[in-house]
Protein backbone atom coordinates (compact mmCIF):
# COMPACT_ATOMS: atom_id res chain seq x y z
CA UNK A 1 -4.10 42.64 15.37
CA UNK A 2 -5.14 42.26 18.56
CA UNK A 3 -3.99 38.94 20.76
CA UNK A 4 -4.58 37.90 24.58
CA UNK A 5 -2.33 36.06 26.32
CA UNK A 6 -3.20 34.37 29.71
CA UNK A 7 -0.78 33.69 32.37
CA UNK A 8 -0.30 32.71 35.93
CA UNK A 9 -2.15 29.25 36.53
CA UNK A 10 -0.92 26.29 38.17
CA UNK A 11 -1.45 23.72 40.60
CA UNK A 12 -2.85 24.81 44.19
CA UNK A 13 -3.92 23.29 47.20
CA UNK A 14 -7.94 24.06 48.23
CA UNK A 15 -8.19 26.92 50.19
CA UNK A 16 -5.51 28.96 47.80
CA UNK A 17 -5.03 31.35 45.96
CA UNK A 18 -3.76 32.27 42.13
CA UNK A 19 -3.97 35.68 40.53
CA UNK A 20 -4.42 35.14 36.47
CA UNK A 21 -3.23 38.19 34.00
CA UNK A 22 -4.20 38.36 30.22
CA UNK A 23 -1.75 41.04 28.38
CA UNK A 24 -3.17 42.36 25.05
CA UNK A 25 -0.77 43.35 22.71
CA UNK A 26 -1.87 45.21 19.56
CA UNK A 27 -4.48 47.20 20.91
CA UNK A 28 -5.69 49.09 23.94
CA UNK A 29 -9.15 47.99 25.69
CA UNK A 30 -10.12 51.14 27.15
CA UNK A 31 -12.96 51.27 25.47
CA UNK A 32 -13.94 47.28 25.36
CA UNK A 33 -15.82 44.75 27.69
CA UNK A 34 -13.43 41.77 28.92
CA UNK A 35 -14.10 38.40 30.46
CA UNK A 36 -13.09 35.50 31.90
CA UNK A 37 -14.57 31.66 30.75
CA UNK A 38 -13.28 28.27 31.77
CA UNK A 39 -14.07 25.21 30.87
CA UNK A 40 -13.50 21.71 32.62
CA UNK A 41 -13.14 18.38 30.38
CA UNK A 42 -15.94 17.07 29.30
CA UNK A 43 -18.04 20.45 29.93
CA UNK A 44 -19.10 23.64 28.00
CA UNK A 45 -17.55 26.63 28.42
CA UNK A 46 -18.82 29.10 31.21
CA UNK A 47 -18.66 32.37 32.26
CA UNK A 48 -16.77 33.19 35.17
CA UNK A 49 -16.44 37.28 35.45
CA UNK A 50 -16.66 39.99 33.41
CA UNK A 51 -16.14 43.86 33.56
CA UNK A 52 -16.84 46.96 31.64
CA UNK A 53 -14.29 49.20 29.83
CA UNK A 54 -14.67 51.63 32.72
CA UNK A 55 -13.84 48.84 35.33
CA UNK A 56 -16.67 50.61 37.59
CA UNK A 57 -18.92 47.83 36.50
CA UNK A 58 -18.26 43.95 37.22
CA UNK A 59 -20.45 40.62 37.01
CA UNK A 60 -19.71 36.78 38.23
CA UNK A 61 -21.05 33.47 38.03
CA UNK A 62 -22.73 32.34 41.52
CA UNK A 63 -20.15 29.92 42.32
CA UNK A 64 -17.13 32.38 42.47
CA UNK A 65 -18.88 35.02 44.05
CA UNK A 66 -17.60 36.14 46.88
CA UNK A 67 -13.92 34.20 45.98
CA UNK A 68 -13.03 35.78 43.09
CA UNK A 69 -12.63 39.32 41.88
CA UNK A 70 -11.77 40.56 38.31
CA UNK A 71 -9.74 43.68 37.87
CA UNK A 72 -8.33 45.71 34.74
CA UNK A 73 -5.52 48.29 34.02
CA UNK A 74 -5.86 49.70 30.74
CA UNK A 75 -2.51 51.58 31.06
CA UNK A 76 -0.93 48.29 30.72
CA UNK A 77 -3.79 46.51 28.47
CA UNK A 78 -3.69 43.92 31.25
CA UNK A 79 -7.01 42.24 32.99
CA UNK A 80 -6.50 40.12 36.21
CA UNK A 81 -8.72 37.34 37.90
CA UNK A 82 -7.86 36.93 41.67
CA UNK A 83 -9.20 33.90 42.86
CA UNK A 84 -9.38 33.02 46.54
CA UNK A 85 -10.50 30.21 48.57
CA UNK A 86 -10.01 27.59 45.57
CA UNK A 87 -12.00 24.33 45.47
CA UNK A 88 -11.56 21.48 43.40
CA UNK A 89 -14.52 22.47 41.38
CA UNK A 90 -12.73 25.13 39.93
CA UNK A 91 -10.11 23.20 38.63
CA UNK A 92 -10.15 24.19 34.45
CA UNK A 93 -8.47 25.58 31.78
CA UNK A 94 -9.37 29.47 32.00
CA UNK A 95 -9.60 31.74 29.25
CA UNK A 96 -9.30 35.56 28.31
CA UNK A 97 -12.15 37.01 26.00
CA UNK A 98 -12.74 40.41 24.30
CA UNK A 99 -15.92 41.95 23.14
CA UNK A 100 -14.99 44.38 20.77
CA UNK A 101 -18.05 45.54 19.98
CA UNK A 102 -20.15 45.42 23.06
CA UNK A 103 -20.85 48.09 26.06
CA UNK A 104 -23.02 45.64 28.47
CA UNK A 105 -21.06 42.42 30.22
CA UNK A 106 -22.96 39.42 28.55
CA UNK A 107 -22.13 35.68 29.60
CA UNK A 108 -22.61 34.35 26.43
CA UNK A 109 -19.97 33.10 24.47
CA UNK A 110 -20.92 33.81 21.19
CA UNK A 111 -20.60 37.58 22.15
CA UNK A 112 -16.59 37.70 22.55
CA UNK A 113 -14.48 38.55 19.32
CA UNK A 114 -10.91 37.79 20.55
CA UNK A 115 -9.85 34.75 22.91
CA UNK A 116 -6.63 33.71 24.37
CA UNK A 117 -5.22 30.57 24.55
CA UNK A 118 -6.17 29.08 28.19
CA UNK A 119 -4.22 28.45 31.06
CA UNK A 120 -4.58 25.66 33.39
CA UNK A 121 -6.10 25.85 37.23
CA UNK A 122 -5.79 22.83 39.06
CA UNK A 123 -7.11 22.58 42.67
CA UNK A 124 -6.28 19.53 44.71
CA UNK A 125 -8.20 18.55 47.69
């Protein structure tokens, strides 16, 4: 029943900002851990940021800490990823994911049950 659709990706210059959105349909996410992953060509999909159901606890990978912010609006069934001070190394396809049965934020792809189709983020030098 649940579908996730990402939007907001695009081309931006280094130092710029983008905000990604993940809209959920079919079910609310008021009791679901949500996360963002990314995958660059030839590399494994990696955890970027996660947020607990309440929105009061978040987690980030070291490479984006201080630059990216994850947030959620449960009333709108939407999760966001605000990306500031973007670097060329951030270039990747970004995926929204949901852990339907978990409570803790874990940076493990296999823990997440539902995935969006991905949105491309390209950061130029």
